[in-house]
Amino acid sequence: MKDFSFWRGAIHNAKTSLVLKSVGEDLANFKNQSNLLGDETKLSEAQLETLRLEYSLKMKKLTAETLPIKQPGKPKFKK
């Protein structure tokens, strides 16, 4: 069963921003689907807020660690 510790671990273990985005999408889908299920599968608002905060901090860290992409400059021709 996916609970708070599962989602927290998934966010913590994400090594790239693409993986973290996937975890975020899965969490959003889980939250939407849990509204259809019973109360035992729902995360509290405090838990969701904590997960959102950890997600944003991890995303900032991962995007800061990536190297900026340099666009190639104009070619220099000899005259």
Protein backbone atom coordinates (compact mmCIF):
# COMPACT_ATOMS: atom_id res chain seq x y z
CA MET A 1 0.00 0.00 0.00
CA LYS A 2 1.26 3.45 -0.87
CA ASP A 3 1.44 5.59 2.22
CA PHE A 4 3.35 8.65 3.39
CA SER A 5 6.64 6.81 3.92
CA PHE A 6 6.42 5.27 0.43
CA TRP A 7 5.99 8.65 -1.26
CA ARG A 8 8.65 10.30 0.90
CA GLY A 9 11.11 7.53 0.00
CA ALA A 10 10.26 7.81 -3.69
CA ILE A 11 10.95 11.55 -3.64
CA HIS A 12 14.17 11.06 -1.68
CA ASN A 13 15.44 8.26 -3.96
CA ALA A 14 14.84 10.11 -7.24
CA LYS A 15 18.19 10.66 -8.94
CA THR A 16 17.10 12.87 -11.86
CA SER A 17 14.50 15.54 -12.41
CA LEU A 18 12.67 13.31 -14.93
CA VAL A 19 12.30 10.56 -12.34
CA LEU A 20 11.15 13.09 -9.77
CA LYS A 21 8.56 14.51 -12.18
CA SER A 22 7.27 10.99 -12.72
CA VAL A 23 6.94 10.50 -8.97
CA GLY A 24 5.07 13.80 -8.73
CA GLU A 25 2.65 12.74 -11.45
CA ASP A 26 2.10 9.38 -9.77
CA LEU A 27 1.42 11.11 -6.47
CA ALA A 28 -1.11 13.45 -8.10
CA ASN A 29 -2.85 10.47 -9.71
CA PHE A 30 -2.84 8.61 -6.39
CA LYS A 31 -4.36 11.60 -4.63
CA ASN A 32 -7.11 11.90 -7.26
CA GLN A 33 -7.84 8.16 -7.17
CA SER A 34 -7.86 8.00 -3.38
CA ASN A 35 -10.85 10.35 -3.41
CA LEU A 36 -12.77 7.54 -5.08
CA LEU A 37 -11.66 4.96 -2.52
CA GLY A 38 -12.28 4.73 1.20
CA ASP A 39 -10.78 7.00 3.84
CA GLU A 40 -8.08 4.50 4.79
CA THR A 41 -5.99 5.25 1.68
CA LYS A 42 -6.06 9.03 1.87
CA LEU A 43 -3.13 11.16 2.91
CA SER A 44 -3.84 14.03 5.26
CA GLU A 45 -3.43 17.62 4.12
CA ALA A 46 -0.43 18.01 6.45
CA GLN A 47 1.21 14.96 4.87
CA LEU A 48 0.51 16.27 1.36
CA GLU A 49 1.98 19.65 2.28
CA THR A 50 5.12 17.97 3.61
CA LEU A 51 5.44 15.90 0.42
CA ARG A 52 4.98 19.00 -1.74
CA LEU A 53 7.69 20.82 0.20
CA GLU A 54 10.13 17.92 -0.07
CA TYR A 55 9.32 17.56 -3.79
CA SER A 56 10.04 21.23 -4.48
CA LEU A 57 13.28 21.20 -2.48
CA LYS A 58 14.48 18.05 -4.24
CA MET A 59 13.56 19.50 -7.65
CA LYS A 60 15.53 22.67 -6.90
CA LYS A 61 18.51 20.58 -5.86
CA LEU A 62 18.37 18.37 -8.96
CA THR A 63 17.98 21.27 -11.37
CA ALA A 64 20.85 23.14 -9.69
CA GLU A 65 23.12 20.11 -10.12
CA THR A 66 22.52 19.80 -13.86
CA LEU A 67 24.92 21.51 -16.18
CA PRO A 68 23.57 24.41 -18.18
CA ILE A 69 23.17 23.70 -21.87
CA LYS A 70 25.36 25.93 -23.99
CA GLN A 71 23.89 26.93 -27.31
CA PRO A 72 26.40 26.80 -30.11
CA GLY A 73 27.56 30.20 -31.24
CA LYS A 74 27.62 31.51 -34.76
CA PRO A 75 30.28 29.91 -36.90
CA LYS A 76 33.26 32.13 -37.61
CA PHE A 77 34.30 32.24 -41.22
CA LYS A 78 37.66 33.45 -42.45
CA LYS A 79 37.50 36.39 -44.80
